[in-house]
Amino acid sequence: MEGVVQFNAMELIEINVGKNLDGTIRRRLVMVDQSGWEYRDLLDDPAAMVYPIYASLHPERVGNSVGWSVVIYQNQGEDEYRKFGHLEDFLQALGLDSLTYSRALYWAKMTLNFDPMSVLEHGENETKAAWGDRLGFTAEG
């Protein structure tokens, strides 16, 4: 397919999904499907469609929570690394789908906010926004 790029299956990538009210680009964490050429923005709906990974979406690899914890350890130190680890434990205990879990942890890594409730709220809001986009409205968050 022309204009479509390939990634590794099940890899997390970040793509452009629109613009915020202030005109900045809105990005979303999504998961590459088995084909490597398509992505899913929702995992808890077996009927959820997959979409081509167009180069125009400016897809970027973001890694995974193991790599994020190493970066936090290297850049922020042991205390922040432990906080991140506690977040992982907290989110795993909730039984979130892996994409909501990853969205929450990625936000924690990017903002260095390790408050469990804030991190959980962000991950859930991002998944709600994906549902909102799918249903034709934008979820607040």
N, C-alpha and C. Protein backbone atom coordinates (compact mmCIF):
# COMPACT_ATOMS: atom_id res chain seq x y z
N MET A 1 0.85 -1.19 0.00
CA MET A 1 0.00 0.00 0.00
C MET A 1 0.89 1.24 0.00
N GLU A 2 0.54 2.15 -0.84
CA GLU A 2 1.33 3.37 -0.94
C GLU A 2 1.05 4.29 0.25
N GLY A 3 2.13 4.85 0.80
CA GLY A 3 2.00 5.77 1.92
C GLY A 3 1.78 5.10 3.26
N VAL A 4 1.84 3.77 3.28
CA VAL A 4 1.65 3.02 4.53
C VAL A 4 3.02 2.52 4.98
N VAL A 5 3.27 2.62 6.28
CA VAL A 5 4.56 2.19 6.82
C VAL A 5 4.37 0.97 7.72
N GLN A 6 5.45 0.21 7.87
CA GLN A 6 5.38 -1.02 8.66
C GLN A 6 6.18 -0.89 9.95
N PHE A 7 5.63 -1.50 10.98
CA PHE A 7 6.28 -1.61 12.29
C PHE A 7 6.22 -3.07 12.71
N ASN A 8 6.83 -3.38 13.82
CA ASN A 8 6.75 -4.74 14.35
C ASN A 8 5.37 -4.99 14.93
N ALA A 9 4.87 -6.21 14.75
CA ALA A 9 3.57 -6.58 15.30
C ALA A 9 3.56 -6.37 16.81
N MET A 10 2.47 -5.84 17.31
CA MET A 10 2.21 -5.61 18.74
C MET A 10 3.08 -4.51 19.35
N GLU A 11 3.75 -3.75 18.52
CA GLU A 11 4.58 -2.64 18.99
C GLU A 11 3.69 -1.44 19.31
N LEU A 12 4.09 -0.66 20.30
CA LEU A 12 3.38 0.58 20.62
C LEU A 12 3.96 1.70 19.79
N ILE A 13 3.07 2.46 19.16
CA ILE A 13 3.49 3.64 18.41
C ILE A 13 2.58 4.80 18.80
N GLU A 14 3.05 6.00 18.52
CA GLU A 14 2.25 7.20 18.75
C GLU A 14 1.98 7.83 17.40
N ILE A 15 0.72 8.23 17.17
CA ILE A 15 0.33 8.80 15.89
C ILE A 15 -0.43 10.11 16.09
N ASN A 16 -0.50 10.91 15.04
CA ASN A 16 -1.34 12.10 15.04
C ASN A 16 -2.80 11.67 14.86
N VAL A 17 -3.68 12.24 15.68
CA VAL A 17 -5.11 11.91 15.56
C VAL A 17 -5.98 13.15 15.39
N GLY A 18 -5.38 14.31 15.25
CA GLY A 18 -6.15 15.53 15.08
C GLY A 18 -5.48 16.70 15.75
N LYS A 19 -6.27 17.75 15.97
CA LYS A 19 -5.74 18.95 16.61
C LYS A 19 -6.53 19.26 17.87
N ASN A 20 -5.83 19.79 18.85
CA ASN A 20 -6.46 20.29 20.07
C ASN A 20 -7.08 21.66 19.78
N LEU A 21 -7.88 22.15 20.71
CA LEU A 21 -8.51 23.46 20.53
C LEU A 21 -7.50 24.58 20.34
N ASP A 22 -6.32 24.43 20.96
CA ASP A 22 -5.30 25.47 20.82
C ASP A 22 -4.48 25.34 19.54
N GLY A 23 -4.83 24.38 18.69
CA GLY A 23 -4.16 24.22 17.41
C GLY A 23 -2.98 23.25 17.42
N THR A 24 -2.59 22.77 18.60
CA THR A 24 -1.49 21.82 18.66
C THR A 24 -1.96 20.44 18.19
N ILE A 25 -1.02 19.66 17.71
CA ILE A 25 -1.34 18.32 17.22
C ILE A 25 -1.65 17.40 18.40
N ARG A 26 -2.74 16.65 18.26
CA ARG A 26 -3.10 15.66 19.28
C ARG A 26 -2.54 14.32 18.85
N ARG A 27 -1.82 13.66 19.76
CA ARG A 27 -1.21 12.36 19.48
C ARG A 27 -1.86 11.30 20.36
N ARG A 28 -1.82 10.07 19.91
CA ARG A 28 -2.40 8.97 20.69
C ARG A 28 -1.51 7.74 20.56
N LEU A 29 -1.40 7.03 21.67
CA LEU A 29 -0.69 5.76 21.70
C LEU A 29 -1.62 4.68 21.15
N VAL A 30 -1.13 3.90 20.19
CA VAL A 30 -1.91 2.82 19.59
C VAL A 30 -1.02 1.58 19.49
N MET A 31 -1.62 0.44 19.20
CA MET A 31 -0.85 -0.79 19.09
C MET A 31 -0.88 -1.30 17.66
N VAL A 32 0.30 -1.67 17.17
CA VAL A 32 0.41 -2.24 15.83
C VAL A 32 -0.23 -3.62 15.83
N ASP A 33 -1.00 -3.90 14.79
CA ASP A 33 -1.68 -5.18 14.66
C ASP A 33 -0.70 -6.25 14.14
N GLN A 34 -1.17 -7.47 14.06
CA GLN A 34 -0.33 -8.60 13.64
C GLN A 34 0.32 -8.40 12.28
N SER A 35 -0.34 -7.69 11.39
CA SER A 35 0.19 -7.50 10.03
C SER A 35 1.43 -6.62 10.01
N GLY A 36 1.54 -5.73 10.99
CA GLY A 36 2.63 -4.76 10.99
C GLY A 36 2.34 -3.51 10.19
N TRP A 37 1.28 -3.55 9.39
CA TRP A 37 0.91 -2.41 8.53
C TRP A 37 -0.31 -1.65 9.05
N GLU A 38 -0.94 -2.17 10.09
CA GLU A 38 -2.17 -1.57 10.62
C GLU A 38 -2.07 -1.43 12.13
N TYR A 39 -2.95 -0.59 12.67
CA TYR A 39 -2.96 -0.39 14.13
C TYR A 39 -4.37 -0.51 14.68
N ARG A 40 -4.41 -0.72 16.00
CA ARG A 40 -5.66 -0.72 16.76
C ARG A 40 -5.57 0.39 17.80
N ASP A 41 -6.66 1.11 17.98
CA ASP A 41 -6.69 2.12 19.03
C ASP A 41 -7.53 1.68 20.22
N LEU A 42 -8.20 0.54 20.09
CA LEU A 42 -8.98 -0.06 21.18
C LEU A 42 -8.70 -1.56 21.20
N LEU A 43 -8.54 -2.11 22.39
CA LEU A 43 -8.27 -3.55 22.49
C LEU A 43 -9.41 -4.33 23.12
N ASP A 44 -10.32 -3.65 23.82
CA ASP A 44 -11.36 -4.37 24.55
C ASP A 44 -12.62 -4.60 23.73
N ASP A 45 -12.57 -4.32 22.43
CA ASP A 45 -13.70 -4.55 21.56
C ASP A 45 -13.27 -5.51 20.46
N PRO A 46 -13.71 -6.77 20.51
CA PRO A 46 -13.28 -7.74 19.50
C PRO A 46 -13.65 -7.34 18.08
N ALA A 47 -14.66 -6.50 17.94
CA ALA A 47 -15.08 -6.05 16.61
C ALA A 47 -14.36 -4.78 16.17
N ALA A 48 -13.45 -4.28 17.00
CA ALA A 48 -12.76 -3.03 16.66
C ALA A 48 -11.99 -3.20 15.36
N MET A 49 -12.07 -2.18 14.55
CA MET A 49 -11.39 -2.19 13.26
C MET A 49 -9.91 -1.92 13.43
N VAL A 50 -9.16 -2.31 12.42
CA VAL A 50 -7.76 -1.93 12.33
C VAL A 50 -7.66 -0.89 11.23
N TYR A 51 -6.66 -0.02 11.36
CA TYR A 51 -6.50 1.08 10.41
C TYR A 51 -5.08 1.07 9.87
N PRO A 52 -4.90 1.46 8.61
CA PRO A 52 -3.55 1.51 8.04
C PRO A 52 -2.68 2.53 8.78
N ILE A 53 -1.40 2.23 8.88
CA ILE A 53 -0.45 3.15 9.50
C ILE A 53 0.11 4.03 8.38
N TYR A 54 -0.59 5.11 8.10
CA TYR A 54 -0.16 6.03 7.05
C TYR A 54 1.02 6.87 7.53
N ALA A 55 1.95 7.11 6.64
CA ALA A 55 3.10 7.96 6.96
C ALA A 55 2.64 9.35 7.37
N SER A 56 1.51 9.81 6.82
CA SER A 56 0.99 11.14 7.14
C SER A 56 0.55 11.28 8.60
N LEU A 57 0.41 10.16 9.31
CA LEU A 57 0.07 10.20 10.74
C LEU A 57 1.31 10.42 11.60
N HIS A 58 2.47 10.46 10.95
CA HIS A 58 3.75 10.65 11.64
C HIS A 58 3.93 9.66 12.79
N PRO A 59 3.83 8.36 12.47
CA PRO A 59 3.98 7.35 13.53
C PRO A 59 5.40 7.31 14.07
N GLU A 60 5.49 7.13 15.37
CA GLU A 60 6.80 7.02 16.03
C GLU A 60 6.76 5.89 17.05
N ARG A 61 7.82 5.11 17.07
CA ARG A 61 7.96 4.07 18.09
C ARG A 61 8.10 4.73 19.45
N VAL A 62 7.48 4.14 20.46
CA VAL A 62 7.61 4.70 21.81
C VAL A 62 8.19 3.71 22.81
N GLY A 63 8.43 2.48 22.40
CA GLY A 63 8.99 1.50 23.32
C GLY A 63 7.92 0.85 24.16
N ASN A 64 8.30 0.45 25.37
CA ASN A 64 7.37 -0.21 26.28
C ASN A 64 7.74 0.12 27.72
N SER A 65 6.94 -0.36 28.65
CA SER A 65 7.13 0.04 30.05
C SER A 65 8.47 -0.41 30.62
N VAL A 66 9.02 -1.51 30.13
CA VAL A 66 10.34 -1.94 30.61
C VAL A 66 11.39 -0.91 30.21
N GLY A 67 11.37 -0.51 28.96
CA GLY A 67 12.31 0.52 28.50
C GLY A 67 12.09 1.86 29.17
N TRP A 68 10.83 2.20 29.40
CA TRP A 68 10.53 3.48 30.06
C TRP A 68 11.09 3.50 31.47
N SER A 69 11.00 2.37 32.17
CA SER A 69 11.53 2.32 33.54
C SER A 69 13.04 2.49 33.54
N VAL A 70 13.72 1.94 32.55
CA VAL A 70 15.18 2.10 32.45
C VAL A 70 15.53 3.56 32.21
N VAL A 71 14.80 4.21 31.31
CA VAL A 71 15.04 5.63 31.03
C VAL A 71 14.83 6.46 32.29
N ILE A 72 13.78 6.17 33.02
CA ILE A 72 13.51 6.90 34.27
C ILE A 72 14.64 6.68 35.26
N TYR A 73 15.10 5.45 35.38
CA TYR A 73 16.22 5.17 36.30
C TYR A 73 17.46 5.95 35.89
N GLN A 74 17.78 5.94 34.61
CA GLN A 74 18.99 6.62 34.12
C GLN A 74 18.88 8.14 34.25
N ASN A 75 17.72 8.68 33.95
CA ASN A 75 17.58 10.14 33.90
C ASN A 75 17.10 10.77 35.21
N GLN A 76 16.34 10.02 36.01
CA GLN A 76 15.71 10.61 37.19
C GLN A 76 16.21 10.01 38.50
N GLY A 77 16.78 8.82 38.45
CA GLY A 77 17.31 8.22 39.66
C GLY A 77 16.43 7.12 40.24
N GLU A 78 16.94 6.53 41.30
CA GLU A 78 16.32 5.35 41.89
C GLU A 78 14.95 5.63 42.51
N ASP A 79 14.79 6.78 43.16
CA ASP A 79 13.50 7.07 43.80
C ASP A 79 12.37 7.13 42.77
N GLU A 80 12.60 7.83 41.66
CA GLU A 80 11.56 7.94 40.62
C GLU A 80 11.33 6.58 39.96
N TYR A 81 12.39 5.84 39.78
CA TYR A 81 12.30 4.49 39.22
C TYR A 81 11.39 3.61 40.08
N ARG A 82 11.55 3.70 41.39
CA ARG A 82 10.70 2.91 42.31
C ARG A 82 9.24 3.36 42.23
N LYS A 83 9.03 4.67 42.14
CA LYS A 83 7.66 5.18 42.01
C LYS A 83 7.01 4.63 40.74
N PHE A 84 7.77 4.61 39.66
CA PHE A 84 7.26 4.08 38.39
C PHE A 84 6.92 2.60 38.55
N GLY A 85 7.77 1.86 39.23
CA GLY A 85 7.51 0.44 39.48
C GLY A 85 6.25 0.22 40.30
N HIS A 86 6.03 1.07 41.29
CA HIS A 86 4.80 0.98 42.09
C HIS A 86 3.57 1.27 41.22
N LEU A 87 3.72 2.20 40.29
CA LEU A 87 2.61 2.49 39.36
C LEU A 87 2.29 1.26 38.51
N GLU A 88 3.33 0.62 38.01
CA GLU A 88 3.12 -0.59 37.21
C GLU A 88 2.33 -1.63 38.02
N ASP A 89 2.73 -1.85 39.26
CA ASP A 89 2.04 -2.81 40.12
C ASP A 89 0.58 -2.41 40.34
N PHE A 90 0.36 -1.13 40.62
CA PHE A 90 -0.98 -0.60 40.85
C PHE A 90 -1.87 -0.82 39.63
N LEU A 91 -1.37 -0.46 38.46
CA LEU A 91 -2.17 -0.57 37.24
C LEU A 91 -2.41 -2.03 36.86
N GLN A 92 -1.43 -2.89 37.07
CA GLN A 92 -1.61 -4.32 36.77
C GLN A 92 -2.69 -4.92 37.67
N ALA A 93 -2.72 -4.51 38.91
CA ALA A 93 -3.70 -5.04 39.86
C ALA A 93 -5.13 -4.69 39.46
N LEU A 94 -5.30 -3.62 38.70
CA LEU A 94 -6.63 -3.19 38.28
C LEU A 94 -7.17 -4.00 37.10
N GLY A 95 -6.30 -4.72 36.42
CA GLY A 95 -6.74 -5.54 35.30
C GLY A 95 -7.12 -4.75 34.06
N LEU A 96 -6.46 -3.62 33.84
CA LEU A 96 -6.73 -2.80 32.66
C LEU A 96 -6.31 -3.54 31.39
N ASP A 97 -6.93 -3.18 30.26
CA ASP A 97 -6.42 -3.72 29.01
C ASP A 97 -5.02 -3.14 28.78
N SER A 98 -4.21 -3.83 28.00
CA SER A 98 -2.80 -3.45 27.88
C SER A 98 -2.59 -2.08 27.25
N LEU A 99 -3.51 -1.64 26.42
CA LEU A 99 -3.34 -0.33 25.80
C LEU A 99 -3.65 0.80 26.78
N THR A 100 -4.69 0.67 27.57
CA THR A 100 -4.98 1.67 28.60
C THR A 100 -3.85 1.71 29.62
N TYR A 101 -3.37 0.55 30.01
CA TYR A 101 -2.23 0.42 30.92
C TYR A 101 -1.01 1.16 30.35
N SER A 102 -0.71 0.92 29.09
CA SER A 102 0.45 1.56 28.46
C SER A 102 0.26 3.06 28.31
N ARG A 103 -0.95 3.48 27.97
CA ARG A 103 -1.22 4.92 27.85
C ARG A 103 -0.98 5.62 29.19
N ALA A 104 -1.41 4.99 30.26
CA ALA A 104 -1.22 5.57 31.59
C ALA A 104 0.26 5.68 31.93
N LEU A 105 1.00 4.59 31.74
CA LEU A 105 2.42 4.60 32.08
C LEU A 105 3.24 5.52 31.18
N TYR A 106 2.87 5.59 29.91
CA TYR A 106 3.59 6.47 28.98
C TYR A 106 3.42 7.93 29.42
N TRP A 107 2.20 8.28 29.83
CA TRP A 107 1.96 9.64 30.31
C TRP A 107 2.79 9.91 31.57
N ALA A 108 2.85 8.94 32.46
CA ALA A 108 3.67 9.10 33.68
C ALA A 108 5.13 9.33 33.31
N LYS A 109 5.62 8.57 32.35
CA LYS A 109 7.01 8.73 31.91
C LYS A 109 7.24 10.11 31.30
N MET A 110 6.31 10.55 30.47
CA MET A 110 6.48 11.83 29.77
C MET A 110 6.35 13.03 30.71
N THR A 111 5.48 12.93 31.70
CA THR A 111 5.22 14.06 32.59
C THR A 111 5.98 13.97 33.92
N LEU A 112 6.51 12.78 34.20
CA LEU A 112 7.14 12.49 35.50
C LEU A 112 6.16 12.70 36.65
N ASN A 113 4.89 12.48 36.36
CA ASN A 113 3.84 12.51 37.38
C ASN A 113 3.56 11.07 37.77
N PHE A 114 3.85 10.72 39.01
CA PHE A 114 3.70 9.34 39.46
C PHE A 114 2.55 9.17 40.44
N ASP A 115 1.62 10.12 40.46
CA ASP A 115 0.44 10.01 41.31
C ASP A 115 -0.48 8.94 40.70
N PRO A 116 -0.74 7.86 41.42
CA PRO A 116 -1.50 6.75 40.85
C PRO A 116 -2.86 7.15 40.27
N MET A 117 -3.60 7.98 40.97
CA MET A 117 -4.93 8.33 40.48
C MET A 117 -4.86 9.22 39.24
N SER A 118 -3.89 10.12 39.19
CA SER A 118 -3.73 10.97 38.00
C SER A 118 -3.33 10.13 36.79
N VAL A 119 -2.43 9.19 37.01
CA VAL A 119 -1.96 8.33 35.93
C VAL A 119 -3.10 7.45 35.42
N LEU A 120 -3.84 6.85 36.34
CA LEU A 120 -4.99 6.03 35.95
C LEU A 120 -6.01 6.86 35.18
N GLU A 121 -6.31 8.03 35.69
CA GLU A 121 -7.28 8.90 35.02
C GLU A 121 -6.84 9.23 33.60
N HIS A 122 -5.57 9.53 33.42
CA HIS A 122 -5.10 9.86 32.08
C HIS A 122 -5.23 8.66 31.14
N GLY A 123 -4.80 7.49 31.58
CA GLY A 123 -4.92 6.31 30.73
C GLY A 123 -6.35 6.03 30.33
N GLU A 124 -7.25 6.10 31.30
CA GLU A 124 -8.67 5.86 31.02
C GLU A 124 -9.24 6.93 30.10
N ASN A 125 -8.86 8.19 30.31
CA ASN A 125 -9.36 9.27 29.45
C ASN A 125 -8.88 9.11 28.01
N GLU A 126 -7.66 8.65 27.83
CA GLU A 126 -7.16 8.43 26.47
C GLU A 126 -7.94 7.32 25.77
N THR A 127 -8.27 6.28 26.50
CA THR A 127 -9.05 5.20 25.91
C THR A 127 -10.48 5.67 25.65
N LYS A 128 -11.05 6.47 26.54
CA LYS A 128 -12.38 7.05 26.30
C LYS A 128 -12.36 7.94 25.07
N ALA A 129 -11.29 8.69 24.89
CA ALA A 129 -11.17 9.56 23.71
C ALA A 129 -11.13 8.72 22.43
N ALA A 130 -10.46 7.58 22.47
CA ALA A 130 -10.44 6.69 21.29
C ALA A 130 -11.85 6.19 21.00
N TRP A 131 -12.59 5.81 22.05
CA TRP A 131 -13.98 5.40 21.86
C TRP A 131 -14.80 6.57 21.31
N GLY A 132 -14.58 7.76 21.86
CA GLY A 132 -15.31 8.93 21.39
C GLY A 132 -15.06 9.20 19.92
N ASP A 133 -13.82 9.10 19.51
CA ASP A 133 -13.50 9.30 18.09
C ASP A 133 -14.19 8.24 17.24
N ARG A 134 -14.20 7.01 17.71
CA ARG A 134 -14.83 5.92 16.98
C ARG A 134 -16.32 6.15 16.81
N LEU A 135 -16.95 6.72 17.86
CA LEU A 135 -18.39 6.93 17.83
C LEU A 135 -18.79 8.29 17.25
N GLY A 136 -17.80 9.10 16.87
CA GLY A 136 -18.10 10.35 16.21
C GLY A 136 -18.17 11.57 17.10
N PHE A 137 -17.67 11.47 18.32
CA PHE A 137 -17.59 12.65 19.18
C PHE A 137 -16.26 12.60 19.91
N THR A 138 -15.86 13.72 20.46
CA THR A 138 -14.59 13.79 21.17
C THR A 138 -14.85 13.74 22.65
N ALA A 139 -14.23 12.78 23.34
CA ALA A 139 -14.37 12.67 24.80
C ALA A 139 -13.50 13.72 25.46
N GLU A 140 -14.00 14.29 26.53
CA GLU A 140 -13.20 15.25 27.30
C GLU A 140 -12.06 14.51 27.95
N GLY A 141 -10.93 15.19 28.13
CA GLY A 141 -9.83 14.52 28.79
C GLY A 141 -8.60 15.13 28.43
